[in-house]
Amino acid sequence: MIGLGRMGGNMVLRLLRGGHRVVAYDPFAEAVQKVVKEGATGVASIKELVSRLNKPRAVWMMVPAGAFPLAPGAAFWRAIACRAEE
């Protein structure tokens, strides 16, 4: 999970309660520590997050509306796919 604000942090807690393994990143260390106390694996960078996930990887991003500078819809997903290949 990238983004541990109100929605992302609560989603991590729900996933943990459901028995899922969660690797969590947020630019604010306090947010990461909060979910680590509940059982998530905290990381300090997106690169570390990716290295902790087995292939095929699934990454869930919860960022504030308008925080990601891409157009909605198909263009958004094409851009994400291109970045994933990097």
PDB file of N, CA and C in Angstrom:
ATOM      1  N   MET A   1       0.857  -1.169   0.000  1.00  0.00           N
ATOM      2  CA  MET A   1       0.000   0.000   0.000  1.00  0.00           C
ATOM      3  C   MET A   1       0.899   1.227   0.000  1.00  0.00           C
ATOM      4  N   ILE A   2       0.636   2.114  -0.919  1.00  0.00           N
ATOM      5  CA  ILE A   2       1.313   3.404  -0.938  1.00  0.00           C
ATOM      6  C   ILE A   2       0.277   4.437  -0.547  1.00  0.00           C
ATOM      7  N   GLY A   3       0.569   5.174   0.518  1.00  0.00           N
ATOM      8  CA  GLY A   3      -0.358   6.189   1.004  1.00  0.00           C
ATOM      9  C   GLY A   3      -1.139   5.683   2.199  1.00  0.00           C
ATOM     10  N   LEU A   4      -0.786   6.172   3.374  1.00  0.00           N
ATOM     11  CA  LEU A   4      -1.388   5.672   4.606  1.00  0.00           C
ATOM     12  C   LEU A   4      -2.179   6.749   5.329  1.00  0.00           C
ATOM     13  N   GLY A   5      -2.816   7.609   4.560  1.00  0.00           N
ATOM     14  CA  GLY A   5      -3.690   8.623   5.152  1.00  0.00           C
ATOM     15  C   GLY A   5      -4.954   7.977   5.683  1.00  0.00           C
ATOM     16  N   ARG A   6      -6.002   8.756   5.771  1.00  0.00           N
ATOM     17  CA  ARG A   6      -7.262   8.255   6.342  1.00  0.00           C
ATOM     18  C   ARG A   6      -7.746   7.005   5.606  1.00  0.00           C
ATOM     19  N   MET A   7      -7.835   7.064   4.301  1.00  0.00           N
ATOM     20  CA  MET A   7      -8.369   5.916   3.547  1.00  0.00           C
ATOM     21  C   MET A   7      -7.358   4.777   3.432  1.00  0.00           C
ATOM     22  N   GLY A   8      -6.118   5.093   3.077  1.00  0.00           N
ATOM     23  CA  GLY A   8      -5.107   4.053   2.925  1.00  0.00           C
ATOM     24  C   GLY A   8      -4.791   3.348   4.232  1.00  0.00           C
ATOM     25  N   GLY A   9      -4.659   4.109   5.310  1.00  0.00           N
ATOM     26  CA  GLY A   9      -4.377   3.518   6.616  1.00  0.00           C
ATOM     27  C   GLY A   9      -5.483   2.589   7.070  1.00  0.00           C
ATOM     28  N   ASN A  10      -6.732   3.012   6.872  1.00  0.00           N
ATOM     29  CA  ASN A  10      -7.855   2.159   7.254  1.00  0.00           C
ATOM     30  C   ASN A  10      -7.954   0.922   6.370  1.00  0.00           C
ATOM     31  N   MET A  11      -7.626   1.062   5.094  1.00  0.00           N
ATOM     32  CA  MET A  11      -7.651  -0.105   4.214  1.00  0.00           C
ATOM     33  C   MET A  11      -6.588  -1.118   4.636  1.00  0.00           C
ATOM     34  N   VAL A  12      -5.420  -0.644   5.045  1.00  0.00           N
ATOM     35  CA  VAL A  12      -4.379  -1.555   5.549  1.00  0.00           C
ATOM     36  C   VAL A  12      -4.901  -2.333   6.751  1.00  0.00           C
ATOM     37  N   LEU A  13      -5.559  -1.654   7.670  1.00  0.00           N
ATOM     38  CA  LEU A  13      -6.093  -2.332   8.858  1.00  0.00           C
ATOM     39  C   LEU A  13      -7.119  -3.390   8.471  1.00  0.00           C
ATOM     40  N   ARG A  14      -7.989  -3.070   7.507  1.00  0.00           N
ATOM     41  CA  ARG A  14      -8.997  -4.047   7.055  1.00  0.00           C
ATOM     42  C   ARG A  14      -8.325  -5.258   6.394  1.00  0.00           C
ATOM     43  N   LEU A  15      -7.306  -4.994   5.578  1.00  0.00           N
ATOM     44  CA  LEU A  15      -6.597  -6.099   4.929  1.00  0.00           C
ATOM     45  C   LEU A  15      -5.902  -6.989   5.955  1.00  0.00           C
ATOM     46  N   LEU A  16      -5.269  -6.381   6.948  1.00  0.00           N
ATOM     47  CA  LEU A  16      -4.608  -7.155   8.000  1.00  0.00           C
ATOM     48  C   LEU A  16      -5.615  -8.006   8.764  1.00  0.00           C
ATOM     49  N   ARG A  17      -6.758  -7.422   9.103  1.00  0.00           N
ATOM     50  CA  ARG A  17      -7.799  -8.185   9.813  1.00  0.00           C
ATOM     51  C   ARG A  17      -8.308  -9.348   8.971  1.00  0.00           C
ATOM     52  N   GLY A  18      -8.240  -9.185   7.645  1.00  0.00           N
ATOM     53  CA  GLY A  18      -8.667 -10.246   6.742  1.00  0.00           C
ATOM     54  C   GLY A  18      -7.602 -11.302   6.485  1.00  0.00           C
ATOM     55  N   GLY A  19      -6.455 -11.166   7.154  1.00  0.00           N
ATOM     56  CA  GLY A  19      -5.409 -12.167   7.026  1.00  0.00           C
ATOM     57  C   GLY A  19      -4.411 -11.924   5.901  1.00  0.00           C
ATOM     58  N   HIS A  20      -4.455 -10.749   5.306  1.00  0.00           N
ATOM     59  CA  HIS A  20      -3.535 -10.440   4.208  1.00  0.00           C
ATOM     60  C   HIS A  20      -2.206  -9.917   4.732  1.00  0.00           C
ATOM     61  N   ARG A  21      -1.167 -10.146   3.962  1.00  0.00           N
ATOM     62  CA  ARG A  21       0.155  -9.586   4.242  1.00  0.00           C
ATOM     63  C   ARG A  21       0.212  -8.236   3.555  1.00  0.00           C
ATOM     64  N   VAL A  22       0.603  -7.190   4.294  1.00  0.00           N
ATOM     65  CA  VAL A  22       0.633  -5.844   3.739  1.00  0.00           C
ATOM     66  C   VAL A  22       2.014  -5.224   3.930  1.00  0.00           C
ATOM     67  N   VAL A  23       2.573  -4.710   2.834  1.00  0.00           N
ATOM     68  CA  VAL A  23       3.805  -3.935   2.877  1.00  0.00           C
ATOM     69  C   VAL A  23       3.368  -2.491   2.661  1.00  0.00           C
ATOM     70  N   ALA A  24       3.741  -1.607   3.582  1.00  0.00           N
ATOM     71  CA  ALA A  24       3.194  -0.252   3.589  1.00  0.00           C
ATOM     72  C   ALA A  24       4.263   0.825   3.494  1.00  0.00           C
ATOM     73  N   TYR A  25       3.969   1.837   2.658  1.00  0.00           N
ATOM     74  CA  TYR A  25       4.862   2.996   2.498  1.00  0.00           C
ATOM     75  C   TYR A  25       4.054   4.292   2.559  1.00  0.00           C
ATOM     76  N   ASP A  26       4.643   5.275   3.195  1.00  0.00           N
ATOM     77  CA  ASP A  26       4.111   6.630   3.216  1.00  0.00           C
ATOM     78  C   ASP A  26       5.301   7.563   3.424  1.00  0.00           C
ATOM     79  N   PRO A  27       5.275   8.766   2.842  1.00  0.00           N
ATOM     80  CA  PRO A  27       6.401   9.677   3.068  1.00  0.00           C
ATOM     81  C   PRO A  27       6.519  10.142   4.519  1.00  0.00           C
ATOM     82  N   PHE A  28       5.460   9.948   5.304  1.00  0.00           N
ATOM     83  CA  PHE A  28       5.489  10.321   6.718  1.00  0.00           C
ATOM     84  C   PHE A  28       5.717   9.072   7.571  1.00  0.00           C
ATOM     85  N   ALA A  29       6.873   9.003   8.212  1.00  0.00           N
ATOM     86  CA  ALA A  29       7.262   7.815   8.992  1.00  0.00           C
ATOM     87  C   ALA A  29       6.250   7.485  10.088  1.00  0.00           C
ATOM     88  N   GLU A  30       5.606   8.500  10.649  1.00  0.00           N
ATOM     89  CA  GLU A  30       4.622   8.247  11.725  1.00  0.00           C
ATOM     90  C   GLU A  30       3.473   7.386  11.208  1.00  0.00           C
ATOM     91  N   ALA A  31       3.044   7.637   9.979  1.00  0.00           N
ATOM     92  CA  ALA A  31       1.951   6.857   9.397  1.00  0.00           C
ATOM     93  C   ALA A  31       2.380   5.407   9.201  1.00  0.00           C
ATOM     94  N   VAL A  32       3.608   5.197   8.787  1.00  0.00           N
ATOM     95  CA  VAL A  32       4.122   3.840   8.598  1.00  0.00           C
ATOM     96  C   VAL A  32       4.179   3.121   9.945  1.00  0.00           C
ATOM     97  N   GLN A  33       4.695   3.783  10.963  1.00  0.00           N
ATOM     98  CA  GLN A  33       4.809   3.156  12.282  1.00  0.00           C
ATOM     99  C   GLN A  33       3.451   2.759  12.848  1.00  0.00           C
ATOM    100  N   LYS A  34       2.447   3.551  12.558  1.00  0.00           N
ATOM    101  CA  LYS A  34       1.096   3.242  13.050  1.00  0.00           C
ATOM    102  C   LYS A  34       0.599   1.896  12.520  1.00  0.00           C
ATOM    103  N   VAL A  35       0.809   1.626  11.223  1.00  0.00           N
ATOM    104  CA  VAL A  35       0.330   0.352  10.679  1.00  0.00           C
ATOM    105  C   VAL A  35       1.288  -0.794  10.997  1.00  0.00           C
ATOM    106  N   VAL A  36       2.565  -0.497  11.215  1.00  0.00           N
ATOM    107  CA  VAL A  36       3.517  -1.537  11.639  1.00  0.00           C
ATOM    108  C   VAL A  36       3.083  -2.089  12.998  1.00  0.00           C
ATOM    109  N   LYS A  37       2.631  -1.223  13.889  1.00  0.00           N
ATOM    110  CA  LYS A  37       2.157  -1.670  15.209  1.00  0.00           C
ATOM    111  C   LYS A  37       0.976  -2.624  15.097  1.00  0.00           C
ATOM    112  N   GLU A  38       0.260  -2.532  13.979  1.00  0.00           N
ATOM    113  CA  GLU A  38      -0.906  -3.406  13.771  1.00  0.00           C
ATOM    114  C   GLU A  38      -0.559  -4.678  13.002  1.00  0.00           C
ATOM    115  N   GLY A  39       0.702  -4.797  12.525  1.00  0.00           N
ATOM    116  CA  GLY A  39       1.118  -6.026  11.866  1.00  0.00           C
ATOM    117  C   GLY A  39       1.600  -5.889  10.433  1.00  0.00           C
ATOM    118  N   ALA A  40       1.546  -4.695   9.863  1.00  0.00           N
ATOM    119  CA  ALA A  40       2.038  -4.496   8.497  1.00  0.00           C
ATOM    120  C   ALA A  40       3.561  -4.472   8.491  1.00  0.00           C
ATOM    121  N   THR A  41       4.142  -4.692   7.323  1.00  0.00           N
ATOM    122  CA  THR A  41       5.578  -4.526   7.132  1.00  0.00           C
ATOM    123  C   THR A  41       5.797  -3.122   6.609  1.00  0.00           C
ATOM    124  N   GLY A  42       6.515  -2.310   7.356  1.00  0.00           N
ATOM    125  CA  GLY A  42       6.768  -0.937   6.946  1.00  0.00           C
ATOM    126  C   GLY A  42       8.055  -0.817   6.161  1.00  0.00           C
ATOM    127  N   VAL A  43       8.050   0.068   5.170  1.00  0.00           N
ATOM    128  CA  VAL A  43       9.242   0.329   4.369  1.00  0.00           C
ATOM    129  C   VAL A  43       9.452   1.836   4.269  1.00  0.00           C
ATOM    130  N   ALA A  44      10.691   2.214   3.948  1.00  0.00           N
ATOM    131  CA  ALA A  44      11.053   3.634   3.911  1.00  0.00           C
ATOM    132  C   ALA A  44      11.087   4.212   2.501  1.00  0.00           C
ATOM    133  N   SER A  45      10.873   3.369   1.472  1.00  0.00           N
ATOM    134  CA  SER A  45      10.895   3.881   0.098  1.00  0.00           C
ATOM    135  C   SER A  45      10.042   2.985  -0.789  1.00  0.00           C
ATOM    136  N   ILE A  46       9.660   3.531  -1.934  1.00  0.00           N
ATOM    137  CA  ILE A  46       8.898   2.737  -2.887  1.00  0.00           C
ATOM    138  C   ILE A  46       9.770   1.618  -3.449  1.00  0.00           C
ATOM    139  N   LYS A  47      11.038   1.895  -3.651  1.00  0.00           N
ATOM    140  CA  LYS A  47      11.963   0.864  -4.142  1.00  0.00           C
ATOM    141  C   LYS A  47      12.007  -0.312  -3.162  1.00  0.00           C
ATOM    142  N   GLU A  48      12.067  -0.014  -1.869  1.00  0.00           N
ATOM    143  CA  GLU A  48      12.064  -1.084  -0.865  1.00  0.00           C
ATOM    144  C   GLU A  48      10.729  -1.822  -0.870  1.00  0.00           C
ATOM    145  N   LEU A  49       9.635  -1.109  -1.043  1.00  0.00           N
ATOM    146  CA  LEU A  49       8.318  -1.739  -1.105  1.00  0.00           C
ATOM    147  C   LEU A  49       8.290  -2.765  -2.230  1.00  0.00           C
ATOM    148  N   VAL A  50       8.735  -2.377  -3.408  1.00  0.00           N
ATOM    149  CA  VAL A  50       8.743  -3.284  -4.561  1.00  0.00           C
ATOM    150  C   VAL A  50       9.620  -4.502  -4.286  1.00  0.00           C
ATOM    151  N   SER A  51      10.762  -4.288  -3.634  1.00  0.00           N
ATOM    152  CA  SER A  51      11.671  -5.413  -3.370  1.00  0.00           C
ATOM    153  C   SER A  51      11.091  -6.405  -2.370  1.00  0.00           C
ATOM    154  N   ARG A  52      10.136  -5.974  -1.555  1.00  0.00           N
ATOM    155  CA  ARG A  52       9.531  -6.864  -0.551  1.00  0.00           C
ATOM    156  C   ARG A  52       8.362  -7.675  -1.094  1.00  0.00           C
ATOM    157  N   LEU A  53       7.936  -7.395  -2.322  1.00  0.00           N
ATOM    158  CA  LEU A  53       6.777  -8.080  -2.893  1.00  0.00           C
ATOM    159  C   LEU A  53       7.212  -9.176  -3.855  1.00  0.00           C
ATOM    160  N   ASN A  54       6.520 -10.303  -3.791  1.00  0.00           N
ATOM    161  CA  ASN A  54       6.770 -11.400  -4.719  1.00  0.00           C
ATOM    162  C   ASN A  54       6.075 -11.109  -6.042  1.00  0.00           C
ATOM    163  N   LYS A  55       6.643 -11.622  -7.135  1.00  0.00           N
ATOM    164  CA  LYS A  55       6.009 -11.484  -8.444  1.00  0.00           C
ATOM    165  C   LYS A  55       4.897 -12.501  -8.570  1.00  0.00           C
ATOM    166  N   PRO A  56       3.803 -12.216  -9.213  1.00  0.00           N
ATOM    167  CA  PRO A  56       3.451 -10.910  -9.740  1.00  0.00           C
ATOM    168  C   PRO A  56       3.071  -9.970  -8.592  1.00  0.00           C
ATOM    169  N   ARG A  57       3.462  -8.732  -8.703  1.00  0.00           N
ATOM    170  CA  ARG A  57       3.249  -7.746  -7.645  1.00  0.00           C
ATOM    171  C   ARG A  57       1.915  -7.028  -7.814  1.00  0.00           C
ATOM    172  N   ALA A  58       1.318  -6.709  -6.702  1.00  0.00           N
ATOM    173  CA  ALA A  58       0.113  -5.870  -6.700  1.00  0.00           C
ATOM    174  C   ALA A  58       0.387  -4.714  -5.754  1.00  0.00           C
ATOM    175  N   VAL A  59       0.261  -3.494  -6.257  1.00  0.00           N
ATOM    176  CA  VAL A  59       0.492  -2.306  -5.441  1.00  0.00           C
ATOM    177  C   VAL A  59      -0.776  -1.468  -5.467  1.00  0.00           C
ATOM    178  N   TRP A  60      -1.230  -1.091  -4.306  1.00  0.00           N
ATOM    179  CA  TRP A  60      -2.438  -0.279  -4.159  1.00  0.00           C
ATOM    180  C   TRP A  60      -1.985   1.106  -3.725  1.00  0.00           C
ATOM    181  N   MET A  61      -2.374   2.126  -4.488  1.00  0.00           N
ATOM    182  CA  MET A  61      -1.998   3.504  -4.151  1.00  0.00           C
ATOM    183  C   MET A  61      -3.236   4.266  -3.703  1.00  0.00           C
ATOM    184  N   MET A  62      -3.128   4.892  -2.547  1.00  0.00           N
ATOM    185  CA  MET A  62      -4.198   5.749  -2.034  1.00  0.00           C
ATOM    186  C   MET A  62      -3.582   7.134  -1.847  1.00  0.00           C
ATOM    187  N   VAL A  63      -3.816   7.991  -2.820  1.00  0.00           N
ATOM    188  CA  VAL A  63      -3.251   9.337  -2.763  1.00  0.00           C
ATOM    189  C   VAL A  63      -4.385  10.357  -2.831  1.00  0.00           C
ATOM    190  N   PRO A  64      -4.153  11.561  -2.304  1.00  0.00           N
ATOM    191  CA  PRO A  64      -5.205  12.577  -2.341  1.00  0.00           C
ATOM    192  C   PRO A  64      -5.652  12.890  -3.773  1.00  0.00           C
ATOM    193  N   ALA A  65      -6.924  13.218  -3.936  1.00  0.00           N
ATOM    194  CA  ALA A  65      -7.459  13.574  -5.253  1.00  0.00           C
ATOM    195  C   ALA A  65      -6.637  14.696  -5.864  1.00  0.00           C
ATOM    196  N   GLY A  66      -6.268  14.510  -7.120  1.00  0.00           N
ATOM    197  CA  GLY A  66      -5.496  15.524  -7.819  1.00  0.00           C
ATOM    198  C   GLY A  66      -4.009  15.468  -7.554  1.00  0.00           C
ATOM    199  N   ALA A  67      -3.559  14.558  -6.701  1.00  0.00           N
ATOM    200  CA  ALA A  67      -2.136  14.487  -6.356  1.00  0.00           C
ATOM    201  C   ALA A  67      -1.309  13.825  -7.444  1.00  0.00           C
ATOM    202  N   PHE A  68      -1.946  13.034  -8.290  1.00  0.00           N
ATOM    203  CA  PHE A  68      -1.231  12.321  -9.336  1.00  0.00           C
ATOM    204  C   PHE A  68      -1.454  13.060 -10.646  1.00  0.00           C
ATOM    205  N   PRO A  69      -0.413  13.599 -11.254  1.00  0.00           N
ATOM    206  CA  PRO A  69      -0.581  14.500 -12.405  1.00  0.00           C
ATOM    207  C   PRO A  69      -0.840  13.821 -13.741  1.00  0.00           C
ATOM    208  N   LEU A  70      -1.807  12.923 -13.783  1.00  0.00           N
ATOM    209  CA  LEU A  70      -2.145  12.249 -15.032  1.00  0.00           C
ATOM    210  C   LEU A  70      -3.640  12.363 -15.271  1.00  0.00           C
ATOM    211  N   ALA A  71      -4.021  12.296 -16.522  1.00  0.00           N
ATOM    212  CA  ALA A  71      -5.440  12.334 -16.875  1.00  0.00           C
ATOM    213  C   ALA A  71      -6.116  11.055 -16.391  1.00  0.00           C
ATOM    214  N   PRO A  72      -7.383  11.131 -16.033  1.00  0.00           N
ATOM    215  CA  PRO A  72      -8.098   9.937 -15.572  1.00  0.00           C
ATOM    216  C   PRO A  72      -8.342   8.962 -16.716  1.00  0.00           C
ATOM    217  N   GLY A  73      -8.704   7.769 -16.370  1.00  0.00           N
ATOM    218  CA  GLY A  73      -9.089   6.784 -17.359  1.00  0.00           C
ATOM    219  C   GLY A  73      -7.926   6.030 -17.954  1.00  0.00           C
ATOM    220  N   ALA A  74      -8.065   5.649 -19.226  1.00  0.00           N
ATOM    221  CA  ALA A  74      -7.086   4.784 -19.887  1.00  0.00           C
ATOM    222  C   ALA A  74      -5.689   5.392 -19.901  1.00  0.00           C
ATOM    223  N   ALA A  75      -5.591   6.697 -20.108  1.00  0.00           N
ATOM    224  CA  ALA A  75      -4.268   7.322 -20.139  1.00  0.00           C
ATOM    225  C   ALA A  75      -3.546   7.110 -18.816  1.00  0.00           C
ATOM    226  N   PHE A  76      -4.281   7.189 -17.725  1.00  0.00           N
ATOM    227  CA  PHE A  76      -3.711   6.973 -16.398  1.00  0.00           C
ATOM    228  C   PHE A  76      -3.111   5.576 -16.295  1.00  0.00           C
ATOM    229  N   TRP A  77      -3.866   4.572 -16.703  1.00  0.00           N
ATOM    230  CA  TRP A  77      -3.402   3.197 -16.547  1.00  0.00           C
ATOM    231  C   TRP A  77      -2.264   2.876 -17.500  1.00  0.00           C
ATOM    232  N   ARG A  78      -2.262   3.457 -18.698  1.00  0.00           N
ATOM    233  CA  ARG A  78      -1.138   3.255 -19.608  1.00  0.00           C
ATOM    234  C   ARG A  78       0.132   3.832 -19.009  1.00  0.00           C
ATOM    235  N   ALA A  79       0.020   5.001 -18.407  1.00  0.00           N
ATOM    236  CA  ALA A  79       1.204   5.635 -17.793  1.00  0.00           C
ATOM    237  C   ALA A  79       1.716   4.794 -16.631  1.00  0.00           C
ATOM    238  N   ILE A  80       0.823   4.254 -15.830  1.00  0.00           N
ATOM    239  CA  ILE A  80       1.221   3.402 -14.708  1.00  0.00           C
ATOM    240  C   ILE A  80       1.919   2.150 -15.235  1.00  0.00           C
ATOM    241  N   ALA A  81       1.372   1.544 -16.266  1.00  0.00           N
ATOM    242  CA  ALA A  81       1.975   0.339 -16.826  1.00  0.00           C
ATOM    243  C   ALA A  81       3.385   0.627 -17.349  1.00  0.00           C
ATOM    244  N   CYS A  82       3.557   1.778 -18.005  1.00  0.00           N
ATOM    245  CA  CYS A  82       4.892   2.146 -18.497  1.00  0.00           C
ATOM    246  C   CYS A  82       5.863   2.325 -17.360  1.00  0.00           C
ATOM    247  N   ARG A  83       5.428   2.954 -16.283  1.00  0.00           N
ATOM    248  CA  ARG A  83       6.305   3.154 -15.125  1.00  0.00           C
ATOM    249  C   ARG A  83       6.628   1.824 -14.458  1.00  0.00           C
ATOM    250  N   ALA A  84       5.697   0.902 -14.450  1.00  0.00           N
ATOM    251  CA  ALA A  84       5.932  -0.400 -13.829  1.00  0.00           C
ATOM    252  C   ALA A  84       7.047  -1.152 -14.544  1.00  0.00           C
ATOM    253  N   GLU A  85       7.143  -0.964 -15.851  1.00  0.00           N
ATOM    254  CA  GLU A  85       8.181  -1.650 -16.617  1.00  0.00           C
ATOM    255  C   GLU A  85       9.557  -1.086 -16.345  1.00  0.00           C
ATOM    256  N   GLU A  86       9.622   0.159 -15.872  1.00  0.00           N
ATOM    257  CA  GLU A  86      10.912   0.783 -15.549  1.00  0.00           C
ATOM    258  C   GLU A  86      11.453   0.113 -14.349  1.00  0.00           C
TER     259      GLU A  86
END
